[in-house]
Amino acid sequence: MRTRTLVLFFSAILVAGSLHAQLPRIVLQGSGGPQVFTDITEALTAAQPNDKLYFSGGTFSAPLGITVDKPLHIIGAGIHPDSASVTGTTTWSTSSSTEITITTAASGSTFTGINFNPDGDVQYGTGATDDDPKDLIFQRCAFDDPLYLGFVEGASSSSSFNECIFRGTITGMAGTAVITNSILDGAILSLFRPSGLIIRNSTSLGARLQNSANAIVQNCVFTFNGAPLWQVSGVQISNCLITGADMFSNSGTTNQESNNIYGQAAGSIFVNETDGNYSFDDDLHLAPTSPGVGAGNDGTDIGVYGTGSPLKSGAVPTTRTTKRPRSIAPRTPAANFL
């Protein structure tokens, strides 16, 4: 009887723990002891500058919008349904056309393993006075909606995006951005002027760069049906692979190009990508017969799997907060408090 009672007791604990684990939670790690929250607004309010916030899998919603207005290091459980199959992916959402806003005071913040899915958009600032956050780092994040790197044109924000997925327009508003090993799923890059965009080893499915100046584009794939650069000036583009016969449309004569590969049928570029829309079961490695294999300016492949630190399959989050994230990420602590 006693043995049976103990078995039932521990079974009840395991069931209760399993049910509790399904609740999305946030662990705040700062100068004091860890705090646990379920409400994203309360967690962001309680955090002090340079604290860490670990998000479990699940959707964290703030109907009136989400604002990051201090430097924080935010680590989610991941954006890929396979690598986050135990915890679930981490999503930030809003409703009623409200935004996720990052202000100037949040300069130096880092984000990893977060899917940004507001009902409105992701934007820097609420106006000209607070739209200049600098040195922001986004690692293995996804943006399901438009991203504005400044509220008004003339912003001076600066951001780095590594191994991210973009599904909405990326508007520079004259801010600066470095985009590496990322996937632009129909995401148009626009209004990076007078200068400010560097994009390397990324894959753009059906989208183009437009209305921008002095960008540097290297080792990228463009499957846009037409010239992938439109109304641009001073752009330097090299070692890219495109589906069309022309690189520039309605552009000036100050652009420079070299070592680009033209006229590649979209269906022949990748190991597995058939419909021009990115899904997690696509394989964006270059097909073995692609002329882009080994054709990057560093001798590695063109596209997201080039460089010495290629796209990490599964998009497992990293807890590092430096500007040079490791290509192989350690297990995120978010999984440890589920």
Protein backbone atom coordinates (compact mmCIF):
# COMPACT_ATOMS: atom_id res chain seq x y z
CA MET A 1 0.00 0.00 0.00
CA ARG A 2 2.78 2.38 0.95
CA THR A 3 4.59 1.72 -2.34
CA ARG A 4 1.42 2.33 -4.30
CA THR A 5 0.81 5.57 -2.43
CA LEU A 6 4.32 6.80 -3.22
CA VAL A 7 3.89 5.95 -6.90
CA LEU A 8 0.62 7.87 -7.05
CA PHE A 9 2.18 10.79 -5.19
CA PHE A 10 5.11 11.15 -7.57
CA SER A 11 2.87 10.60 -10.58
CA ALA A 12 0.72 13.50 -9.42
CA ILE A 13 3.81 15.70 -9.11
CA LEU A 14 4.94 14.83 -12.63
CA VAL A 15 1.49 15.53 -14.08
CA ALA A 16 1.26 18.83 -12.23
CA GLY A 17 4.74 19.79 -13.40
CA SER A 18 3.87 18.91 -16.97
CA LEU A 19 0.74 21.05 -16.86
CA HIS A 20 2.66 23.91 -15.29
CA ALA A 21 5.31 23.64 -17.99
CA GLN A 22 2.76 24.48 -20.65
CA LEU A 23 2.29 27.99 -19.28
CA PRO A 24 4.48 30.50 -21.15
CA ARG A 25 6.91 31.96 -18.68
CA ILE A 26 9.63 34.59 -18.55
CA VAL A 27 12.62 34.38 -16.24
CA LEU A 28 14.24 37.71 -15.41
CA GLN A 29 17.88 37.40 -14.44
CA GLY A 30 19.47 40.55 -13.09
CA SER A 31 21.46 41.84 -10.15
CA GLY A 32 19.02 40.27 -7.68
CA GLY A 33 17.50 36.82 -7.52
CA PRO A 34 15.65 35.43 -10.56
CA GLN A 35 12.04 36.51 -11.00
CA VAL A 36 9.37 34.65 -12.96
CA PHE A 37 6.60 36.33 -14.97
CA THR A 38 3.85 35.27 -17.34
CA ASP A 39 3.02 38.79 -18.57
CA ILE A 40 5.48 40.32 -21.05
CA THR A 41 4.67 43.91 -20.12
CA GLU A 42 5.26 43.25 -16.43
CA ALA A 43 8.55 41.50 -17.20
CA LEU A 44 9.83 44.33 -19.39
CA THR A 45 8.80 46.90 -16.79
CA ALA A 46 10.55 45.05 -13.96
CA ALA A 47 13.77 44.55 -15.90
CA GLN A 48 16.68 46.88 -15.26
CA PRO A 49 19.19 47.98 -17.91
CA ASN A 50 21.35 45.09 -19.18
CA ASP A 51 19.25 42.40 -17.47
CA LYS A 52 18.55 39.13 -19.25
CA LEU A 53 15.05 37.89 -20.01
CA TYR A 54 14.60 34.20 -20.89
CA PHE A 55 11.33 33.40 -22.68
CA SER A 56 9.90 29.90 -22.78
CA GLY A 57 8.10 28.64 -25.84
CA GLY A 58 4.64 30.07 -26.39
CA THR A 59 2.97 33.30 -27.46
CA PHE A 60 3.48 36.42 -25.35
CA SER A 61 0.82 38.91 -26.25
CA ALA A 62 0.31 42.54 -25.27
CA PRO A 63 -2.85 43.86 -26.94
CA LEU A 64 -1.80 47.51 -26.56
CA GLY A 65 1.69 46.99 -27.92
CA ILE A 66 5.14 45.99 -26.68
CA THR A 67 7.86 48.53 -25.96
CA VAL A 68 11.55 47.93 -25.26
CA ASP A 69 12.93 51.17 -23.83
CA LYS A 70 16.13 50.08 -22.06
CA PRO A 71 19.12 47.92 -23.03
CA LEU A 72 18.12 44.28 -22.45
CA HIS A 73 19.32 40.86 -23.54
CA ILE A 74 16.32 38.80 -24.61
CA ILE A 75 16.59 35.06 -25.30
CA GLY A 76 13.70 33.01 -26.62
CA ALA A 77 13.27 29.27 -27.11
CA GLY A 78 13.64 29.58 -30.89
CA ILE A 79 11.70 30.14 -34.12
CA HIS A 80 12.04 26.75 -35.80
CA PRO A 81 9.27 24.24 -35.01
CA ASP A 82 11.69 21.30 -35.16
CA SER A 83 14.48 22.55 -32.91
CA ALA A 84 11.90 24.02 -30.51
CA SER A 85 9.63 20.96 -30.62
CA VAL A 86 9.92 20.34 -26.87
CA THR A 87 9.47 23.91 -25.70
CA GLY A 88 7.51 25.38 -28.61
CA THR A 89 8.61 28.46 -30.51
CA THR A 90 8.65 31.89 -28.85
CA THR A 91 6.38 34.55 -30.36
CA TRP A 92 5.76 38.19 -29.43
CA SER A 93 2.38 39.44 -30.61
CA THR A 94 0.04 42.42 -30.31
CA SER A 95 -3.48 43.17 -31.50
CA SER A 96 -5.60 46.03 -32.88
CA SER A 97 -2.83 47.17 -35.27
CA THR A 98 -0.47 47.99 -32.40
CA GLU A 99 3.30 47.75 -32.72
CA ILE A 100 6.40 46.29 -31.20
CA THR A 101 8.49 49.39 -30.54
CA ILE A 102 12.19 49.68 -29.76
CA THR A 103 13.30 53.15 -28.71
CA THR A 104 16.62 54.99 -28.66
CA ALA A 105 16.98 54.19 -24.94
CA ALA A 106 17.16 50.48 -25.84
CA SER A 107 20.51 50.94 -27.60
CA GLY A 108 22.79 47.95 -27.09
CA SER A 109 19.95 45.42 -26.74
CA THR A 110 20.25 41.91 -28.13
CA PHE A 111 17.50 39.53 -29.25
CA THR A 112 17.78 35.86 -30.09
CA GLY A 113 15.23 33.14 -30.83
CA ILE A 114 12.17 35.43 -31.03
CA ASN A 115 9.41 35.44 -33.66
CA PHE A 116 8.12 39.00 -33.93
CA ASN A 117 4.47 38.87 -35.04
CA PRO A 118 2.62 42.07 -34.09
CA ASP A 119 -0.73 42.98 -35.57
CA GLY A 120 0.92 46.22 -36.66
CA ASP A 121 4.67 46.30 -37.34
CA VAL A 122 8.06 46.33 -35.66
CA GLN A 123 9.36 49.88 -35.50
CA TYR A 124 12.16 51.89 -34.01
CA GLY A 125 10.68 54.69 -31.94
CA THR A 126 7.38 56.53 -31.85
CA GLY A 127 8.63 59.70 -33.52
CA ALA A 128 11.71 61.63 -34.60
CA THR A 129 12.93 62.07 -31.01
CA ASP A 130 13.27 58.41 -30.01
CA ASP A 131 13.82 56.39 -33.20
CA ASP A 132 17.62 56.06 -33.13
CA PRO A 133 18.54 52.90 -31.18
CA LYS A 134 22.11 51.90 -31.93
CA ASP A 135 24.05 48.66 -31.82
CA LEU A 136 21.01 46.39 -31.76
CA ILE A 137 21.69 42.72 -32.48
CA PHE A 138 19.11 40.23 -33.74
CA GLN A 139 20.26 36.62 -33.93
CA ARG A 140 18.07 33.81 -35.35
CA CYS A 141 14.88 35.85 -35.12
CA ALA A 142 11.90 36.02 -37.49
CA PHE A 143 9.91 39.08 -38.55
CA ASP A 144 6.45 38.28 -39.87
CA ASP A 145 5.48 41.91 -40.49
CA PRO A 146 7.07 45.13 -41.79
CA LEU A 147 10.20 46.34 -40.01
CA TYR A 148 10.98 50.06 -39.82
CA LEU A 149 14.53 50.92 -38.73
CA GLY A 150 13.45 54.41 -37.76
CA PHE A 151 10.10 56.16 -37.42
CA VAL A 152 10.87 58.99 -39.83
CA GLU A 153 13.32 59.22 -42.71
CA GLY A 154 16.64 60.52 -41.45
CA ALA A 155 16.93 58.16 -38.49
CA SER A 156 20.44 57.17 -37.39
CA SER A 157 19.75 53.73 -35.93
CA SER A 158 22.21 50.86 -36.37
CA SER A 159 21.41 47.15 -36.31
CA SER A 160 22.88 43.75 -37.09
CA PHE A 161 20.73 40.83 -38.24
CA ASN A 162 22.29 37.37 -38.42
CA GLU A 163 20.49 34.20 -39.55
CA CYS A 164 17.10 35.93 -39.47
CA ILE A 165 13.95 35.43 -41.53
CA PHE A 166 12.11 38.45 -42.94
CA ARG A 167 8.59 38.16 -44.35
CA GLY A 168 7.67 41.86 -44.52
CA THR A 169 9.22 44.97 -46.01
CA ILE A 170 12.43 46.22 -44.37
CA THR A 171 12.54 50.02 -44.50
CA GLY A 172 15.81 51.67 -43.58
CA MET A 173 14.63 55.26 -43.06
CA ALA A 174 18.36 56.09 -43.53
CA GLY A 175 19.34 53.87 -40.60
CA THR A 176 22.23 51.46 -41.03
CA ALA A 177 21.91 47.67 -41.06
CA VAL A 178 24.15 44.67 -41.60
CA ILE A 179 22.23 41.58 -42.73
CA THR A 180 24.10 38.27 -42.94
CA ASN A 181 23.12 34.64 -43.64
CA SER A 182 19.46 35.62 -43.63
CA ILE A 183 16.36 34.74 -45.65
CA LEU A 184 14.21 37.43 -47.25
CA ASP A 185 10.92 35.68 -47.97
CA GLY A 186 9.40 38.24 -50.33
CA ALA A 187 10.78 40.99 -48.07
CA ILE A 188 11.64 44.14 -50.03
CA LEU A 189 14.57 46.22 -48.81
CA SER A 190 13.78 49.92 -49.22
CA LEU A 191 14.89 53.47 -48.38
CA PHE A 192 18.43 52.79 -47.19
CA ARG A 193 19.87 56.19 -48.07
CA PRO A 194 22.11 58.14 -48.25
CA SER A 195 23.92 54.95 -47.22
CA GLY A 196 23.68 52.24 -44.65
CA LEU A 197 22.92 48.73 -45.92
CA ILE A 198 25.35 45.83 -46.06
CA ILE A 199 23.86 42.47 -47.00
CA ARG A 200 26.00 39.37 -47.31
CA ASN A 201 25.36 35.68 -47.92
CA SER A 202 21.61 36.02 -47.85
CA THR A 203 18.84 34.59 -49.99
CA SER A 204 16.04 36.77 -51.34
CA LEU A 205 13.05 34.83 -52.62
CA GLY A 206 11.02 36.98 -55.00
CA ALA A 207 12.08 40.35 -53.57
CA ARG A 208 14.47 43.16 -54.49
CA LEU A 209 16.43 46.12 -53.16
CA GLN A 210 14.93 49.46 -54.12
CA ASN A 211 15.19 53.22 -53.51
CA SER A 212 18.51 52.88 -51.74
CA ALA A 213 22.01 54.25 -52.13
CA ASN A 214 25.57 53.09 -51.56
CA ALA A 215 24.62 49.60 -50.36
CA ILE A 216 27.13 46.75 -50.38
CA VAL A 217 25.67 43.44 -51.56
CA GLN A 218 27.84 40.32 -51.63
CA ASN A 219 27.37 36.58 -52.12
CA CYS A 220 23.55 36.72 -52.27
CA VAL A 221 20.88 34.86 -54.22
CA PHE A 222 18.01 36.82 -55.82
CA THR A 223 15.08 34.97 -57.39
CA PHE A 224 13.15 38.15 -58.21
CA ASN A 225 11.41 37.97 -61.59
CA GLY A 226 13.29 40.85 -63.13
CA ALA A 227 16.19 43.11 -62.18
CA PRO A 228 16.65 42.70 -58.41
CA LEU A 229 17.97 46.26 -57.87
CA TRP A 230 15.56 49.09 -58.70
CA GLN A 231 16.08 52.84 -58.41
CA VAL A 232 19.40 52.47 -56.63
CA SER A 233 22.65 54.42 -56.86
CA GLY A 234 26.20 53.87 -55.71
CA VAL A 235 25.53 50.18 -54.98
CA GLN A 236 28.44 47.74 -55.05
CA ILE A 237 27.19 44.24 -55.81
CA SER A 238 29.44 41.25 -56.33
CA ASN A 239 29.46 37.45 -56.43
CA CYS A 240 25.67 37.20 -56.49
CA LEU A 241 23.46 34.71 -58.28
CA ILE A 242 20.27 35.96 -59.94
CA THR A 243 17.51 34.49 -62.07
CA GLY A 244 17.24 37.36 -64.54
CA ALA A 245 19.44 38.80 -67.28
CA ASP A 246 19.82 42.30 -65.80
CA MET A 247 20.91 43.51 -62.36
CA PHE A 248 19.67 47.13 -62.36
CA SER A 249 16.42 48.78 -63.40
CA ASN A 250 15.63 52.50 -63.52
CA SER A 251 18.97 53.18 -61.80
CA GLY A 252 21.85 55.59 -62.31
CA THR A 253 25.33 54.92 -63.65
CA THR A 254 27.18 55.02 -60.32
CA ASN A 255 26.49 51.39 -59.44
CA GLN A 256 29.29 48.83 -59.67
CA GLU A 257 29.07 45.08 -60.17
CA SER A 258 31.49 42.20 -60.53
CA ASN A 259 31.57 38.39 -60.63
CA ASN A 260 27.79 38.00 -60.69
CA ILE A 261 26.06 34.96 -62.19
CA TYR A 262 22.98 35.59 -64.36
CA GLY A 263 20.13 33.61 -65.87
CA GLN A 264 19.76 30.84 -63.29
CA ALA A 265 16.39 29.10 -63.35
CA ALA A 266 14.81 29.43 -59.91
CA GLY A 267 14.02 25.72 -59.76
CA SER A 268 17.66 24.76 -60.31
CA ILE A 269 19.31 26.88 -57.62
CA PHE A 270 18.54 25.05 -54.38
CA VAL A 271 18.47 21.49 -53.14
CA ASN A 272 14.77 21.88 -52.28
CA GLU A 273 12.77 25.06 -52.79
CA THR A 274 9.99 24.81 -55.32
CA ASP A 275 7.35 27.51 -54.86
CA GLY A 276 9.31 30.71 -54.20
CA ASN A 277 8.02 30.95 -50.63
CA TYR A 278 10.19 29.93 -47.71
CA SER A 279 9.02 27.19 -45.37
CA PHE A 280 11.00 25.39 -42.69
CA ASP A 281 11.14 22.18 -44.70
CA ASP A 282 12.87 23.94 -47.61
CA ASP A 283 16.57 23.24 -48.11
CA LEU A 284 18.37 26.38 -49.30
CA HIS A 285 21.73 24.69 -49.77
CA LEU A 286 22.81 25.26 -53.34
CA ALA A 287 22.19 22.36 -55.69
CA PRO A 288 25.44 20.44 -56.36
CA THR A 289 25.34 21.56 -60.01
CA SER A 290 24.78 25.25 -59.23
CA PRO A 291 27.52 27.61 -60.49
CA GLY A 292 27.17 29.40 -57.13
CA VAL A 293 28.95 26.54 -55.34
CA GLY A 294 32.28 27.91 -54.15
CA ALA A 295 31.69 31.16 -56.06
CA GLY A 296 31.51 33.53 -53.08
CA ASN A 297 34.22 36.17 -52.72
CA ASP A 298 35.71 34.08 -49.88
CA GLY A 299 35.66 30.81 -51.83
CA THR A 300 32.59 29.42 -50.05
CA ASP A 301 29.08 29.07 -51.50
CA ILE A 302 26.89 31.96 -52.48
CA GLY A 303 23.81 32.20 -50.23
CA VAL A 304 22.99 31.51 -46.60
CA TYR A 305 25.24 28.46 -46.27
CA GLY A 306 28.39 30.30 -47.28
CA THR A 307 31.10 31.88 -45.09
CA GLY A 308 32.91 30.18 -42.24
CA SER A 309 29.78 30.66 -40.08
CA PRO A 310 26.88 29.50 -42.29
CA LEU A 311 23.21 29.47 -41.41
CA LYS A 312 22.61 27.09 -38.51
CA SER A 313 19.99 24.53 -39.51
CA GLY A 314 17.21 24.56 -36.94
CA ALA A 315 17.91 28.15 -35.86
CA VAL A 316 18.75 27.07 -32.30
CA PRO A 317 19.03 30.22 -30.13
CA THR A 318 22.29 31.32 -28.63
CA THR A 319 22.71 32.99 -25.26
CA ARG A 320 25.78 34.93 -26.34
CA THR A 321 25.32 38.70 -26.38
CA THR A 322 28.45 39.67 -28.30
CA LYS A 323 28.44 41.04 -31.83
CA ARG A 324 30.22 37.97 -33.16
CA PRO A 325 27.87 35.07 -32.27
CA ARG A 326 29.13 31.52 -32.49
CA SER A 327 28.01 29.47 -35.47
CA ILE A 328 27.12 26.57 -33.18
CA ALA A 329 24.87 27.68 -30.37
CA PRO A 330 24.78 26.21 -26.87
CA ARG A 331 21.47 24.92 -25.53
CA THR A 332 19.35 27.87 -24.52
CA PRO A 333 18.57 28.11 -20.78
CA ALA A 334 14.94 28.80 -21.76
CA ALA A 335 14.49 25.05 -22.16
CA ASN A 336 15.69 24.45 -18.62
CA PHE A 337 12.87 26.20 -16.80
CA LEU A 338 9.99 24.57 -18.67
